[in-house]
């Protein structure tokens, strides 16, 4: 039964997930991680404003680079599109989660090698 629930969760998730939203969020988080934050020496309002402009520009540049790399990937590997990868990974995670929840509710799952019934 857990196999069936895993397959059902996979198929439903692959069909219903919106890869563009997930990719946008991943890019946003990644850019926030790789672009450094504010530094020391920003004690005047002018320097704070200048650094904020620099940071916004660098974030926009990095995001454009990442999106360009994704577009190049899609052109070079049309059968392995990045949105397809996102759909399959989301489906896999949903399948694992559904099976884990089912086995947790059902109790201790029997090992397939344990032949004592």
Protein backbone atom coordinates (compact mmCIF):
# COMPACT_ATOMS: atom_id res chain seq x y z
CA UNK A 1 0.00 0.00 0.00
CA UNK A 2 2.85 2.40 0.76
CA UNK A 3 4.17 1.87 -2.78
CA UNK A 4 0.81 2.93 -4.21
CA UNK A 5 0.63 6.04 -2.01
CA UNK A 6 4.18 6.97 -3.02
CA UNK A 7 3.33 6.63 -6.70
CA UNK A 8 0.12 8.59 -6.28
CA UNK A 9 1.93 11.41 -4.46
CA UNK A 10 4.64 11.47 -7.15
CA UNK A 11 2.18 11.70 -10.05
CA UNK A 12 0.01 14.31 -8.35
CA UNK A 13 2.99 16.48 -7.42
CA UNK A 14 4.61 16.27 -10.86
CA UNK A 15 1.33 17.39 -12.43
CA UNK A 16 0.47 20.15 -9.96
CA UNK A 17 3.82 21.73 -9.08
CA UNK A 18 4.67 25.13 -10.56
CA UNK A 19 8.38 24.90 -11.40
CA UNK A 20 8.73 28.59 -12.25
CA UNK A 21 7.71 29.59 -8.72
CA UNK A 22 10.14 27.11 -7.18
CA UNK A 23 12.98 28.19 -9.47
CA UNK A 24 12.30 31.87 -8.68
CA UNK A 25 12.45 31.17 -4.94
CA UNK A 26 15.65 29.09 -5.29
CA UNK A 27 17.29 31.88 -7.31
CA UNK A 28 16.19 34.48 -4.75
CA UNK A 29 17.65 32.49 -1.84
CA UNK A 30 20.85 31.68 -3.76
CA UNK A 31 21.43 35.33 -4.70
CA UNK A 32 20.86 36.38 -1.08
CA UNK A 33 23.49 33.85 -0.01
CA UNK A 34 26.17 34.75 -2.55
CA UNK A 35 25.84 38.55 -2.53
CA UNK A 36 27.54 39.98 0.55
CA UNK A 37 25.55 42.10 2.93
CA UNK A 38 26.36 45.53 4.22
CA UNK A 39 29.87 46.14 5.43
CA UNK A 40 31.44 48.24 8.14
CA UNK A 41 31.98 51.94 7.77
CA UNK A 42 28.43 52.87 6.85
CA UNK A 43 27.92 55.46 9.52
CA UNK A 44 26.54 58.18 7.24
CA UNK A 45 23.21 58.13 5.44
CA UNK A 46 24.96 58.73 2.14
CA UNK A 47 27.22 55.69 2.46
CA UNK A 48 24.30 53.51 3.54
CA UNK A 49 22.32 54.60 0.49
CA UNK A 50 25.30 54.07 -1.82
CA UNK A 51 25.95 50.56 -0.47
CA UNK A 52 22.26 49.71 -0.80
CA UNK A 53 22.37 50.71 -4.49
CA UNK A 54 25.55 48.68 -5.04
CA UNK A 55 24.01 45.64 -3.36
CA UNK A 56 20.78 45.89 -5.37
CA UNK A 57 22.75 46.19 -8.61
CA UNK A 58 24.94 43.20 -7.76
CA UNK A 59 21.89 41.10 -6.88
CA UNK A 60 20.21 41.97 -10.18
CA UNK A 61 23.41 41.15 -12.10
CA UNK A 62 23.82 37.79 -10.36
CA UNK A 63 20.16 36.89 -10.92
CA UNK A 64 20.50 37.71 -14.63
CA UNK A 65 23.62 35.51 -14.83
CA UNK A 66 21.86 32.59 -13.19
CA UNK A 67 18.82 32.91 -15.45
CA UNK A 68 21.12 33.12 -18.48
CA UNK A 69 22.90 29.93 -17.36
CA UNK A 70 19.53 28.18 -16.97
CA UNK A 71 18.49 29.31 -20.45
CA UNK A 72 21.81 28.01 -21.88
CA UNK A 73 21.28 24.70 -20.06
CA UNK A 74 17.82 24.37 -21.61
CA UNK A 75 19.22 25.08 -25.07
CA UNK A 76 22.10 22.60 -24.70
CA UNK A 77 20.02 19.85 -23.05
CA UNK A 78 16.45 20.15 -24.40
CA UNK A 79 15.42 16.70 -23.17
CA UNK A 80 16.61 17.50 -19.63
CA UNK A 81 14.93 20.89 -19.11
CA UNK A 82 15.48 22.53 -15.70
CA UNK A 83 11.74 22.69 -15.05
CA UNK A 84 11.48 18.95 -15.65
CA UNK A 85 14.25 18.40 -13.08
CA UNK A 86 12.31 20.53 -10.57
CA UNK A 87 9.11 18.56 -11.22
CA UNK A 88 10.84 15.19 -10.74
CA UNK A 89 12.64 16.28 -7.57
CA UNK A 90 9.41 17.64 -6.09
CA UNK A 91 7.62 14.42 -7.02
CA UNK A 92 10.37 12.33 -5.46
CA UNK A 93 10.23 14.33 -2.22
CA UNK A 94 6.43 14.06 -2.11
CA UNK A 95 6.66 10.30 -2.65
CA UNK A 96 9.20 9.83 0.13
CA UNK A 97 7.18 12.03 2.48
CA UNK A 98 3.90 10.21 1.75
CA UNK A 99 5.50 6.80 2.29
CA UNK A 100 7.19 7.95 5.49
CA UNK A 101 3.97 9.36 6.91
CA UNK A 102 2.06 6.20 5.98
CA UNK A 103 4.69 3.94 7.55
CA UNK A 104 4.81 6.18 10.63
CA UNK A 105 1.04 5.97 11.09
CA UNK A 106 0.98 2.25 10.38
CA UNK A 107 3.70 1.56 12.88
CA UNK A 108 7.00 -0.27 12.56
CA UNK A 109 7.26 -1.44 8.95
CA UNK A 110 8.27 -5.03 8.40
CA UNK A 111 11.54 -5.58 6.68
CA UNK A 112 11.18 -7.31 3.35
CA UNK A 113 13.90 -9.72 4.47
CA UNK A 114 12.12 -10.60 7.68
CA UNK A 115 10.13 -13.73 6.76
CA UNK A 116 8.55 -14.20 10.18
CA UNK A 117 4.87 -13.38 9.66
